Amino acid sequence: MFVEIGNLLGTFNIADFIPWLGWVNFVNGFDKRMEKFFLEIDVFLDIVIQQHRMGHKKKDNHNNDTHIDLVDILLQIEKDKSFGISLWNDNIKAILLDMFGAGTDPTSILLEWTMAEILKHPEVMKEIQEEIKGVTRGKENIAYVDIKQMHYLNAVIKETLRLHPPLPLLIPRKLTENVNIQGFDVLANTIVIINAWAIGRDPVSWDEPEKFKPERFLNDVIPFGIGRRGCPGAQFAFGIVQLVIANLLHKFDWSLPWGLSGEDLDMTEATGLSSHLNSYLQVLVTLKNFNGPPTSSTKIDFFFFLRYL
């Protein structure tokens, strides 16, 4: 469903630019496709919420204090008015859609691009693995507390975000009042689209902008949007990606199959709302044996490998 919403949001909608031609969306099937998706996601979220409501009733009847999740917490807020927040069923569905939509696709995109850049630059992989080795000191598993000491890994992920932002055009903004930006008058109600991809590759702001240079972020440069319009889940997603990449490079050796080098790797970006790799990332993965020689190598699709883990 999230793949479909990404495709729909990335599709050219003529009604956004020429409103009186909105009827074209009925003819070309875009409206029907939107309605079908809305019904699917709406029914799915209704089922999830209803299942949790039934679970709440069972817990109330049997005083069963079981594990709770995000939906349970939202239902508690809906029920308990002392929080000062009024939630209804549609509010809960909207929050869930935002949380899972923004929390899964961009994170998986960042994981894929980071691994692609690491495979494209073997010297970067070696540097990260040396850093991991120094931090872990023989430990087989990496904890989140270890991640804070991995400054080069942090720089690699930031450099990946600079070159490959998961949402190249960010979320469109709508001005609430007339403003003047660098001599340009922009009227209220104007929809503004910010090109994060272009900002990250601007030669005025970055030295050798097309080159992958993680060391540019070793001095805590702030390359991304901050403030009240910043992504509320950025730190969570960043921490997840750090932990996954660190463990993958710690427990496995990685290379490209068929004798390919980093220069052969296809880094073409797919079209759409989000910036995926245009082709699947095929990797050669070897499980490290901490007590002996490495095991045999296996060629596999990177995301299939993550799902397998």
C-alpha atoms as a PDB file:
ATOM      1  CA  MET A   1       0.000   0.000   0.000  1.00  0.00           C
ATOM      2  CA  PHE A   2       2.853   2.389   0.752  1.00  0.00           C
ATOM      3  CA  VAL A   3       4.444   1.636  -2.598  1.00  0.00           C
ATOM      4  CA  GLU A   4       1.138   2.598  -4.201  1.00  0.00           C
ATOM      5  CA  ILE A   5       0.800   5.842  -2.234  1.00  0.00           C
ATOM      6  CA  GLY A   6       4.338   6.767  -3.273  1.00  0.00           C
ATOM      7  CA  ASN A   7       3.461   6.145  -6.903  1.00  0.00           C
ATOM      8  CA  LEU A   8       0.241   8.145  -6.652  1.00  0.00           C
ATOM      9  CA  LEU A   9       1.868  11.125  -4.939  1.00  0.00           C
ATOM     10  CA  GLY A  10       4.642  11.079  -7.527  1.00  0.00           C
ATOM     11  CA  THR A  11       2.214  10.986 -10.465  1.00  0.00           C
ATOM     12  CA  PHE A  12       1.649  14.186 -12.441  1.00  0.00           C
ATOM     13  CA  ASN A  13      -1.798  15.533 -11.511  1.00  0.00           C
ATOM     14  CA  ILE A  14      -2.963  18.040 -14.099  1.00  0.00           C
ATOM     15  CA  ALA A  15      -5.674  19.384 -11.741  1.00  0.00           C
ATOM     16  CA  ASP A  16      -2.937  20.756  -9.451  1.00  0.00           C
ATOM     17  CA  PHE A  17      -1.737  23.050 -12.225  1.00  0.00           C
ATOM     18  CA  ILE A  18      -4.818  23.607 -14.409  1.00  0.00           C
ATOM     19  CA  PRO A  19      -7.856  23.097 -12.134  1.00  0.00           C
ATOM     20  CA  TRP A  20     -10.479  23.299 -14.906  1.00  0.00           C
ATOM     21  CA  LEU A  21      -8.833  20.276 -16.560  1.00  0.00           C
ATOM     22  CA  GLY A  22      -9.477  18.140 -13.475  1.00  0.00           C
ATOM     23  CA  TRP A  23     -11.953  16.031 -15.476  1.00  0.00           C
ATOM     24  CA  VAL A  24      -8.942  14.466 -17.252  1.00  0.00           C
ATOM     25  CA  ASN A  25      -8.230  12.496 -14.057  1.00  0.00           C
ATOM     26  CA  PHE A  26     -11.623  10.815 -14.414  1.00  0.00           C
ATOM     27  CA  VAL A  27     -10.925   9.863 -18.016  1.00  0.00           C
ATOM     28  CA  ASN A  28      -7.394   8.527 -17.481  1.00  0.00           C
ATOM     29  CA  GLY A  29      -8.432   6.534 -14.389  1.00  0.00           C
ATOM     30  CA  PHE A  30      -6.384   8.529 -11.859  1.00  0.00           C
ATOM     31  CA  ASP A  31      -9.438   9.415  -9.729  1.00  0.00           C
ATOM     32  CA  LYS A  32     -10.582   5.777  -9.645  1.00  0.00           C
ATOM     33  CA  ARG A  33      -7.100   4.650  -8.660  1.00  0.00           C
ATOM     34  CA  MET A  34      -7.031   7.201  -5.831  1.00  0.00           C
ATOM     35  CA  GLU A  35     -10.447   6.133  -4.551  1.00  0.00           C
ATOM     36  CA  LYS A  36      -9.440   2.468  -4.628  1.00  0.00           C
ATOM     37  CA  PHE A  37      -6.288   3.168  -2.644  1.00  0.00           C
ATOM     38  CA  PHE A  38      -8.129   5.337  -0.103  1.00  0.00           C
ATOM     39  CA  LEU A  39     -10.675   2.567   0.494  1.00  0.00           C
ATOM     40  CA  GLU A  40      -7.947  -0.078   0.931  1.00  0.00           C
ATOM     41  CA  ILE A  41      -5.907   1.938   3.431  1.00  0.00           C
ATOM     42  CA  ASP A  42      -9.026   3.146   5.275  1.00  0.00           C
ATOM     43  CA  VAL A  43     -10.410  -0.387   5.704  1.00  0.00           C
ATOM     44  CA  PHE A  44      -7.015  -1.716   6.752  1.00  0.00           C
ATOM     45  CA  LEU A  45      -6.554   0.949   9.452  1.00  0.00           C
ATOM     46  CA  ASP A  46     -10.139   0.432  10.646  1.00  0.00           C
ATOM     47  CA  ILE A  47      -9.438  -3.280  11.117  1.00  0.00           C
ATOM     48  CA  VAL A  48      -6.201  -2.591  13.024  1.00  0.00           C
ATOM     49  CA  ILE A  49      -7.894  -0.105  15.360  1.00  0.00           C
ATOM     50  CA  GLN A  50     -10.905  -2.372  15.902  1.00  0.00           C
ATOM     51  CA  GLN A  51      -8.638  -5.290  16.808  1.00  0.00           C
ATOM     52  CA  HIS A  52      -6.928  -3.122  19.414  1.00  0.00           C
ATOM     53  CA  ARG A  53     -10.262  -1.913  20.796  1.00  0.00           C
ATOM     54  CA  MET A  54     -11.306  -5.556  21.281  1.00  0.00           C
ATOM     55  CA  GLY A  55      -7.982  -6.183  23.005  1.00  0.00           C
ATOM     56  CA  HIS A  56      -8.647  -3.290  25.381  1.00  0.00           C
ATOM     57  CA  LYS A  57     -12.023  -4.768  26.324  1.00  0.00           C
ATOM     58  CA  LYS A  58     -10.436  -8.127  27.087  1.00  0.00           C
ATOM     59  CA  LYS A  59      -7.779  -6.475  29.256  1.00  0.00           C
ATOM     60  CA  ASP A  60     -10.444  -4.466  31.111  1.00  0.00           C
ATOM     61  CA  ASN A  61     -12.395  -7.649  31.827  1.00  0.00           C
ATOM     62  CA  HIS A  62      -9.454  -9.797  32.876  1.00  0.00           C
ATOM     63  CA  ASN A  63      -7.009  -7.133  34.162  1.00  0.00           C
ATOM     64  CA  ASN A  64      -4.443  -8.568  31.773  1.00  0.00           C
ATOM     65  CA  ASP A  65      -1.474  -6.205  31.635  1.00  0.00           C
ATOM     66  CA  THR A  66       0.057  -7.227  28.280  1.00  0.00           C
ATOM     67  CA  HIS A  67       2.496  -5.420  26.008  1.00  0.00           C
ATOM     68  CA  ILE A  68       1.099  -2.228  24.478  1.00  0.00           C
ATOM     69  CA  ASP A  69       1.979  -0.569  21.172  1.00  0.00           C
ATOM     70  CA  LEU A  70       1.415   2.772  19.463  1.00  0.00           C
ATOM     71  CA  VAL A  71      -2.249   2.058  18.654  1.00  0.00           C
ATOM     72  CA  ASP A  72      -2.927   1.143  22.289  1.00  0.00           C
ATOM     73  CA  ILE A  73      -1.411   4.421  23.455  1.00  0.00           C
ATOM     74  CA  LEU A  74      -3.506   6.439  21.004  1.00  0.00           C
ATOM     75  CA  LEU A  75      -6.645   4.638  22.188  1.00  0.00           C
ATOM     76  CA  GLN A  76      -5.731   5.417  25.794  1.00  0.00           C
ATOM     77  CA  ILE A  77      -5.412   9.109  24.893  1.00  0.00           C
ATOM     78  CA  GLU A  78      -8.796   8.945  23.148  1.00  0.00           C
ATOM     79  CA  LYS A  79     -10.380   7.385  26.236  1.00  0.00           C
ATOM     80  CA  ASP A  80      -8.638   9.468  28.916  1.00  0.00           C
ATOM     81  CA  LYS A  81      -9.558  13.143  28.471  1.00  0.00           C
ATOM     82  CA  SER A  82      -7.056  14.235  31.159  1.00  0.00           C
ATOM     83  CA  PHE A  83      -4.296  14.469  28.501  1.00  0.00           C
ATOM     84  CA  GLY A  84      -5.943  17.616  27.122  1.00  0.00           C
ATOM     85  CA  ILE A  85      -5.991  16.099  23.626  1.00  0.00           C
ATOM     86  CA  SER A  86      -9.155  15.120  21.791  1.00  0.00           C
ATOM     87  CA  LEU A  87      -8.723  12.179  19.429  1.00  0.00           C
ATOM     88  CA  TRP A  88     -11.312  10.531  17.201  1.00  0.00           C
ATOM     89  CA  ASN A  89     -11.082   7.470  14.993  1.00  0.00           C
ATOM     90  CA  ASP A  90     -10.082   9.490  11.905  1.00  0.00           C
ATOM     91  CA  ASN A  91      -7.373  11.301  13.914  1.00  0.00           C
ATOM     92  CA  ILE A  92      -5.880   7.974  14.979  1.00  0.00           C
ATOM     93  CA  LYS A  93      -5.916   6.679  11.406  1.00  0.00           C
ATOM     94  CA  ALA A  94      -4.189   9.843  10.159  1.00  0.00           C
ATOM     95  CA  ILE A  95      -1.459   9.566  12.825  1.00  0.00           C
ATOM     96  CA  LEU A  96      -0.860   5.889  12.020  1.00  0.00           C
ATOM     97  CA  LEU A  97      -0.653   6.604   8.300  1.00  0.00           C
ATOM     98  CA  ASP A  98       1.901   9.363   8.898  1.00  0.00           C
ATOM     99  CA  MET A  99       3.965   7.318  11.352  1.00  0.00           C
ATOM    100  CA  PHE A 100       4.223   4.190   9.230  1.00  0.00           C
ATOM    101  CA  GLY A 101       4.389   5.975   5.894  1.00  0.00           C
ATOM    102  CA  ALA A 102       7.143   8.356   6.972  1.00  0.00           C
ATOM    103  CA  GLY A 103       8.818   5.769   9.193  1.00  0.00           C
ATOM    104  CA  THR A 104       9.264   2.890   6.745  1.00  0.00           C
ATOM    105  CA  ASP A 105       9.864   4.053   3.184  1.00  0.00           C
ATOM    106  CA  PRO A 106      12.433   6.842   3.832  1.00  0.00           C
ATOM    107  CA  THR A 107      14.317   4.630   6.303  1.00  0.00           C
ATOM    108  CA  SER A 108      14.551   1.700   3.880  1.00  0.00           C
ATOM    109  CA  ILE A 109      15.614   4.088   1.086  1.00  0.00           C
ATOM    110  CA  LEU A 110      18.401   5.495   3.260  1.00  0.00           C
ATOM    111  CA  LEU A 111      19.571   1.965   4.146  1.00  0.00           C
ATOM    112  CA  GLU A 112      19.772   0.981   0.494  1.00  0.00           C
ATOM    113  CA  TRP A 113      21.581   4.133  -0.656  1.00  0.00           C
ATOM    114  CA  THR A 114      24.054   3.925   2.250  1.00  0.00           C
ATOM    115  CA  MET A 115      24.970   0.338   1.401  1.00  0.00           C
ATOM    116  CA  ALA A 116      25.231   1.249  -2.287  1.00  0.00           C
ATOM    117  CA  GLU A 117      27.666   4.101  -1.550  1.00  0.00           C
ATOM    118  CA  ILE A 118      29.676   1.886   0.806  1.00  0.00           C
ATOM    119  CA  LEU A 119      29.945  -0.821  -1.877  1.00  0.00           C
ATOM    120  CA  LYS A 120      30.868   1.796  -4.464  1.00  0.00           C
ATOM    121  CA  HIS A 121      33.682   3.053  -2.229  1.00  0.00           C
ATOM    122  CA  PRO A 122      35.562   0.065  -0.703  1.00  0.00           C
ATOM    123  CA  GLU A 123      37.901   2.420   1.152  1.00  0.00           C
ATOM    124  CA  VAL A 124      34.873   3.810   3.013  1.00  0.00           C
ATOM    125  CA  MET A 125      33.785   0.283   3.971  1.00  0.00           C
ATOM    126  CA  LYS A 126      37.252  -0.486   5.269  1.00  0.00           C
ATOM    127  CA  GLU A 127      37.298   2.718   7.332  1.00  0.00           C
ATOM    128  CA  ILE A 128      33.908   1.941   8.893  1.00  0.00           C
ATOM    129  CA  GLN A 129      34.885  -1.648   9.701  1.00  0.00           C
ATOM    130  CA  GLU A 130      38.104  -0.461  11.336  1.00  0.00           C
ATOM    131  CA  GLU A 131      36.086   2.001  13.442  1.00  0.00           C
ATOM    132  CA  ILE A 132      33.608  -0.733  14.404  1.00  0.00           C
ATOM    133  CA  LYS A 133      36.468  -3.064  15.319  1.00  0.00           C
ATOM    134  CA  GLY A 134      37.969  -0.422  17.590  1.00  0.00           C
ATOM    135  CA  VAL A 135      34.671   0.259  19.333  1.00  0.00           C
ATOM    136  CA  THR A 136      33.436  -3.322  19.755  1.00  0.00           C
ATOM    137  CA  ARG A 137      36.795  -4.833  20.807  1.00  0.00           C
ATOM    138  CA  GLY A 138      35.772  -8.389  20.009  1.00  0.00           C
ATOM    139  CA  LYS A 139      32.090  -8.144  20.942  1.00  0.00           C
ATOM    140  CA  GLU A 140      29.857 -10.029  18.506  1.00  0.00           C
ATOM    141  CA  ASN A 141      26.810  -7.781  18.899  1.00  0.00           C
ATOM    142  CA  ILE A 142      26.634  -3.993  18.644  1.00  0.00           C
ATOM    143  CA  ALA A 143      24.375  -2.066  21.018  1.00  0.00           C
ATOM    144  CA  TYR A 144      22.942   1.400  20.507  1.00  0.00           C
ATOM    145  CA  VAL A 145      25.349   2.808  23.102  1.00  0.00           C
ATOM    146  CA  ASP A 146      28.262   1.723  20.861  1.00  0.00           C
ATOM    147  CA  ILE A 147      26.883   3.699  17.921  1.00  0.00           C
ATOM    148  CA  LYS A 148      27.554   7.026  19.631  1.00  0.00           C
ATOM    149  CA  GLN A 149      31.300   6.361  19.374  1.00  0.00           C
ATOM    150  CA  MET A 150      31.175   5.662  15.611  1.00  0.00           C
ATOM    151  CA  HIS A 151      31.741   9.168  14.247  1.00  0.00           C
ATOM    152  CA  TYR A 152      32.859   8.103  10.777  1.00  0.00           C
ATOM    153  CA  LEU A 153      29.776   5.899  10.294  1.00  0.00           C
ATOM    154  CA  ASN A 154      27.640   8.880  11.323  1.00  0.00           C
ATOM    155  CA  ALA A 155      29.416  11.015   8.696  1.00  0.00           C
ATOM    156  CA  VAL A 156      28.877   8.353   6.003  1.00  0.00           C
ATOM    157  CA  ILE A 157      25.111   8.319   6.608  1.00  0.00           C
ATOM    158  CA  LYS A 158      24.929  12.128   6.565  1.00  0.00           C
ATOM    159  CA  GLU A 159      26.856  12.256   3.296  1.00  0.00           C
ATOM    160  CA  THR A 160      24.455   9.674   1.847  1.00  0.00           C
ATOM    161  CA  LEU A 161      21.505  11.855   2.886  1.00  0.00           C
ATOM    162  CA  ARG A 162      23.133  14.865   1.222  1.00  0.00           C
ATOM    163  CA  LEU A 163      23.493  13.080  -2.110  1.00  0.00           C
ATOM    164  CA  HIS A 164      20.352  10.942  -1.934  1.00  0.00           C
ATOM    165  CA  PRO A 165      17.570  12.548   0.138  1.00  0.00           C
ATOM    166  CA  PRO A 166      14.687  10.013   0.399  1.00  0.00           C
ATOM    167  CA  LEU A 167      12.219  12.787  -0.533  1.00  0.00           C
ATOM    168  CA  PRO A 168      14.103  14.952  -3.066  1.00  0.00           C
ATOM    169  CA  LEU A 169      11.346  17.612  -3.205  1.00  0.00           C
ATOM    170  CA  LEU A 170      10.358  17.351   0.462  1.00  0.00           C
ATOM    171  CA  ILE A 171       6.721  17.898   1.444  1.00  0.00           C
ATOM    172  CA  PRO A 172       5.061  20.868  -0.365  1.00  0.00           C
ATOM    173  CA  ARG A 173       4.482  23.959   1.809  1.00  0.00           C
ATOM    174  CA  LYS A 174       1.657  26.479   1.565  1.00  0.00           C
ATOM    175  CA  LEU A 175       2.362  30.079   2.572  1.00  0.00           C
ATOM    176  CA  THR A 176       0.003  31.636   5.105  1.00  0.00           C
ATOM    177  CA  GLU A 177       1.003  35.240   4.308  1.00  0.00           C
ATOM    178  CA  ASN A 178       2.818  37.345   1.716  1.00  0.00           C
ATOM    179  CA  VAL A 179       6.611  37.150   2.061  1.00  0.00           C
ATOM    180  CA  ASN A 180       9.707  38.445   0.310  1.00  0.00           C
ATOM    181  CA  ILE A 181      12.507  35.903  -0.123  1.00  0.00           C
ATOM    182  CA  GLN A 182      15.800  37.217  -1.491  1.00  0.00           C
ATOM    183  CA  GLY A 183      14.021  39.917  -3.494  1.00  0.00           C
ATOM    184  CA  PHE A 184      11.191  37.697  -4.744  1.00  0.00           C
ATOM    185  CA  ASP A 185       7.616  38.488  -3.694  1.00  0.00           C
ATOM    186  CA  VAL A 186       5.720  35.289  -2.903  1.00  0.00           C
ATOM    187  CA  LEU A 187       1.972  35.608  -2.296  1.00  0.00           C
ATOM    188  CA  ALA A 188      -0.055  33.917   0.422  1.00  0.00           C
ATOM    189  CA  ASN A 189      -1.565  30.513  -0.485  1.00  0.00           C
ATOM    190  CA  THR A 190       1.316  29.844  -2.894  1.00  0.00           C
ATOM    191  CA  ILE A 191       2.470  26.213  -2.819  1.00  0.00           C
ATOM    192  CA  VAL A 192       6.257  26.098  -2.409  1.00  0.00           C
ATOM    193  CA  ILE A 193       8.235  22.986  -3.343  1.00  0.00           C
ATOM    194  CA  ILE A 194      11.753  22.771  -1.879  1.00  0.00           C
ATOM    195  CA  ASN A 195      14.333  20.898  -3.938  1.00  0.00           C
ATOM    196  CA  ALA A 196      16.478  19.244  -1.252  1.00  0.00           C
ATOM    197  CA  TRP A 197      18.306  17.245  -3.932  1.00  0.00           C
ATOM    198  CA  ALA A 198      19.536  20.453  -5.604  1.00  0.00           C
ATOM    199  CA  ILE A 199      20.436  22.083  -2.268  1.00  0.00           C
ATOM    200  CA  GLY A 200      22.593  19.078  -1.358  1.00  0.00           C
ATOM    201  CA  ARG A 201      24.507  19.344  -4.644  1.00  0.00           C
ATOM    202  CA  ASP A 202      24.851  23.126  -4.827  1.00  0.00           C
ATOM    203  CA  PRO A 203      28.522  23.938  -5.700  1.00  0.00           C
ATOM    204  CA  VAL A 204      28.188  27.283  -3.900  1.00  0.00           C
ATOM    205  CA  SER A 205      27.577  25.496  -0.589  1.00  0.00           C
ATOM    206  CA  TRP A 206      29.585  22.295  -1.021  1.00  0.00           C
ATOM    207  CA  ASP A 207      33.161  21.543  -2.069  1.00  0.00           C
ATOM    208  CA  GLU A 208      33.111  18.947  -4.884  1.00  0.00           C
ATOM    209  CA  PRO A 209      29.358  18.378  -4.423  1.00  0.00           C
ATOM    210  CA  GLU A 210      29.155  15.335  -6.732  1.00  0.00           C
ATOM    211  CA  LYS A 211      31.873  13.498  -4.842  1.00  0.00           C
ATOM    212  CA  PHE A 212      31.134  11.154  -1.932  1.00  0.00           C
ATOM    213  CA  LYS A 213      33.237  12.643   0.905  1.00  0.00           C
ATOM    214  CA  PRO A 214      31.986  11.568   4.371  1.00  0.00           C
ATOM    215  CA  GLU A 215      34.819  13.434   6.094  1.00  0.00           C
ATOM    216  CA  ARG A 216      33.052  16.724   5.331  1.00  0.00           C
ATOM    217  CA  PHE A 217      30.644  15.843   8.178  1.00  0.00           C
ATOM    218  CA  LEU A 218      33.209  14.898  10.816  1.00  0.00           C
ATOM    219  CA  ASN A 219      33.022  18.408  12.293  1.00  0.00           C
ATOM    220  CA  ASP A 220      29.274  18.316  13.056  1.00  0.00           C
ATOM    221  CA  VAL A 221      28.112  20.374  10.082  1.00  0.00           C
ATOM    222  CA  ILE A 222      24.305  20.696  10.010  1.00  0.00           C
ATOM    223  CA  PRO A 223      23.299  19.752   6.444  1.00  0.00           C
ATOM    224  CA  PHE A 224      19.556  19.342   6.858  1.00  0.00           C
ATOM    225  CA  GLY A 225      16.438  21.252   7.829  1.00  0.00           C
ATOM    226  CA  ILE A 226      15.954  22.036  11.509  1.00  0.00           C
ATOM    227  CA  GLY A 227      13.392  23.816  13.659  1.00  0.00           C
ATOM    228  CA  ARG A 228       9.682  23.231  14.040  1.00  0.00           C
ATOM    229  CA  ARG A 229       9.339  22.127  10.392  1.00  0.00           C
ATOM    230  CA  GLY A 230      11.979  19.444  10.775  1.00  0.00           C
ATOM    231  CA  CYS A 231      11.058  15.757  10.637  1.00  0.00           C
ATOM    232  CA  PRO A 232       9.927  14.597  14.131  1.00  0.00           C
ATOM    233  CA  GLY A 233      11.160  11.071  13.426  1.00  0.00           C
ATOM    234  CA  ALA A 234      14.577  12.014  12.061  1.00  0.00           C
ATOM    235  CA  GLN A 235      16.574  11.009  15.148  1.00  0.00           C
ATOM    236  CA  PHE A 236      14.711   7.716  15.471  1.00  0.00           C
ATOM    237  CA  ALA A 237      15.253   6.817  11.803  1.00  0.00           C
ATOM    238  CA  PHE A 238      18.894   7.925  11.910  1.00  0.00           C
ATOM    239  CA  GLY A 239      19.544   5.745  14.967  1.00  0.00           C
ATOM    240  CA  ILE A 240      17.913   2.725  13.344  1.00  0.00           C
ATOM    241  CA  VAL A 241      19.991   3.111  10.172  1.00  0.00           C
ATOM    242  CA  GLN A 242      23.199   3.522  12.196  1.00  0.00           C
ATOM    243  CA  LEU A 243      22.501   0.367  14.193  1.00  0.00           C
ATOM    244  CA  VAL A 244      21.564  -1.733  11.142  1.00  0.00           C
ATOM    245  CA  ILE A 245      24.534  -0.617   9.007  1.00  0.00           C
ATOM    246  CA  ALA A 246      26.989  -1.087  11.881  1.00  0.00           C
ATOM    247  CA  ASN A 247      25.784  -4.648  12.549  1.00  0.00           C
ATOM    248  CA  LEU A 248      25.728  -5.554   8.859  1.00  0.00           C
ATOM    249  CA  LEU A 249      29.320  -4.428   8.377  1.00  0.00           C
ATOM    250  CA  HIS A 250      30.399  -6.003  11.661  1.00  0.00           C
ATOM    251  CA  LYS A 251      28.919  -9.466  11.057  1.00  0.00           C
ATOM    252  CA  PHE A 252      29.261  -9.758   7.269  1.00  0.00           C
ATOM    253  CA  ASP A 253      31.760  -9.038   4.528  1.00  0.00           C
ATOM    254  CA  TRP A 254      30.253  -7.332   1.472  1.00  0.00           C
ATOM    255  CA  SER A 255      31.208  -7.041  -2.174  1.00  0.00           C
ATOM    256  CA  LEU A 256      29.655  -6.806  -5.617  1.00  0.00           C
ATOM    257  CA  PRO A 257      28.961 -10.038  -7.545  1.00  0.00           C
ATOM    258  CA  TRP A 258      30.355 -11.134 -10.909  1.00  0.00           C
ATOM    259  CA  GLY A 259      33.674  -9.404 -10.247  1.00  0.00           C
ATOM    260  CA  LEU A 260      32.140  -5.940 -10.559  1.00  0.00           C
ATOM    261  CA  SER A 261      33.881  -2.910  -9.092  1.00  0.00           C
ATOM    262  CA  GLY A 262      32.350   0.164  -7.490  1.00  0.00           C
ATOM    263  CA  GLU A 263      32.574   2.044 -10.780  1.00  0.00           C
ATOM    264  CA  ASP A 264      30.263  -0.550 -12.372  1.00  0.00           C
ATOM    265  CA  LEU A 265      27.493  -0.049  -9.807  1.00  0.00           C
ATOM    266  CA  ASP A 266      24.343   1.483 -11.296  1.00  0.00           C
ATOM    267  CA  MET A 267      23.483   4.519  -9.126  1.00  0.00           C
ATOM    268  CA  THR A 268      20.586   5.724 -11.284  1.00  0.00           C
ATOM    269  CA  GLU A 269      17.678   7.129  -9.269  1.00  0.00           C
ATOM    270  CA  ALA A 270      14.134   5.937  -9.925  1.00  0.00           C
ATOM    271  CA  THR A 271      11.469   8.522 -10.735  1.00  0.00           C
ATOM    272  CA  GLY A 272       8.674   9.182  -8.259  1.00  0.00           C
ATOM    273  CA  LEU A 273       7.962  10.938  -4.978  1.00  0.00           C
ATOM    274  CA  SER A 274      10.753   9.068  -3.188  1.00  0.00           C
ATOM    275  CA  SER A 275      14.253   8.447  -4.486  1.00  0.00           C
ATOM    276  CA  HIS A 276      14.849   4.693  -4.694  1.00  0.00           C
ATOM    277  CA  LEU A 277      17.672   3.020  -6.581  1.00  0.00           C
ATOM    278  CA  ASN A 278      16.410   2.372 -10.084  1.00  0.00           C
ATOM    279  CA  SER A 279      17.631  -1.247 -10.030  1.00  0.00           C
ATOM    280  CA  TYR A 280      17.862  -3.790  -7.230  1.00  0.00           C
ATOM    281  CA  LEU A 281      21.079  -3.755  -5.249  1.00  0.00           C
ATOM    282  CA  GLN A 282      22.663  -7.175  -5.803  1.00  0.00           C
ATOM    283  CA  VAL A 283      25.358  -8.023  -3.259  1.00  0.00           C
ATOM    284  CA  LEU A 284      27.778 -10.802  -2.406  1.00  0.00           C
ATOM    285  CA  VAL A 285      27.554 -11.425   1.344  1.00  0.00           C
ATOM    286  CA  THR A 286      29.819 -13.580   3.513  1.00  0.00           C
ATOM    287  CA  LEU A 287      29.008 -14.317   7.149  1.00  0.00           C
ATOM    288  CA  LYS A 288      32.009 -13.683   9.376  1.00  0.00           C
ATOM    289  CA  ASN A 289      33.076 -16.440  11.708  1.00  0.00           C
ATOM    290  CA  PHE A 290      34.418 -14.788  14.844  1.00  0.00           C
ATOM    291  CA  ASN A 291      36.024 -18.063  15.934  1.00  0.00           C
ATOM    292  CA  GLY A 292      37.472 -19.215  12.641  1.00  0.00           C
ATOM    293  CA  PRO A 293      37.622 -18.715   8.859  1.00  0.00           C
ATOM    294  CA  PRO A 294      34.716 -17.014   7.037  1.00  0.00           C
ATOM    295  CA  THR A 295      31.879 -19.081   5.645  1.00  0.00           C
ATOM    296  CA  SER A 296      31.047 -19.330   1.930  1.00  0.00           C
ATOM    297  CA  SER A 297      29.654 -16.324   0.049  1.00  0.00           C
ATOM    298  CA  THR A 298      26.081 -15.953  -1.156  1.00  0.00           C
ATOM    299  CA  LYS A 299      24.773 -13.602  -3.864  1.00  0.00           C
ATOM    300  CA  ILE A 300      21.469 -12.077  -2.820  1.00  0.00           C
ATOM    301  CA  ASP A 301      19.202  -9.056  -3.241  1.00  0.00           C
ATOM    302  CA  PHE A 302      19.997  -6.621  -0.423  1.00  0.00           C
ATOM    303  CA  PHE A 303      16.405  -6.047   0.718  1.00  0.00           C
ATOM    304  CA  PHE A 304      15.595  -9.741   0.533  1.00  0.00           C
ATOM    305  CA  PHE A 305      18.575 -10.235   2.819  1.00  0.00           C
ATOM    306  CA  LEU A 306      17.204  -7.696   5.318  1.00  0.00           C
ATOM    307  CA  ARG A 307      13.791  -9.371   5.309  1.00  0.00           C
ATOM    308  CA  TYR A 308      15.492 -12.753   5.821  1.00  0.00           C
ATOM    309  CA  LEU A 309      17.333 -11.427   8.883  1.00  0.00           C
END
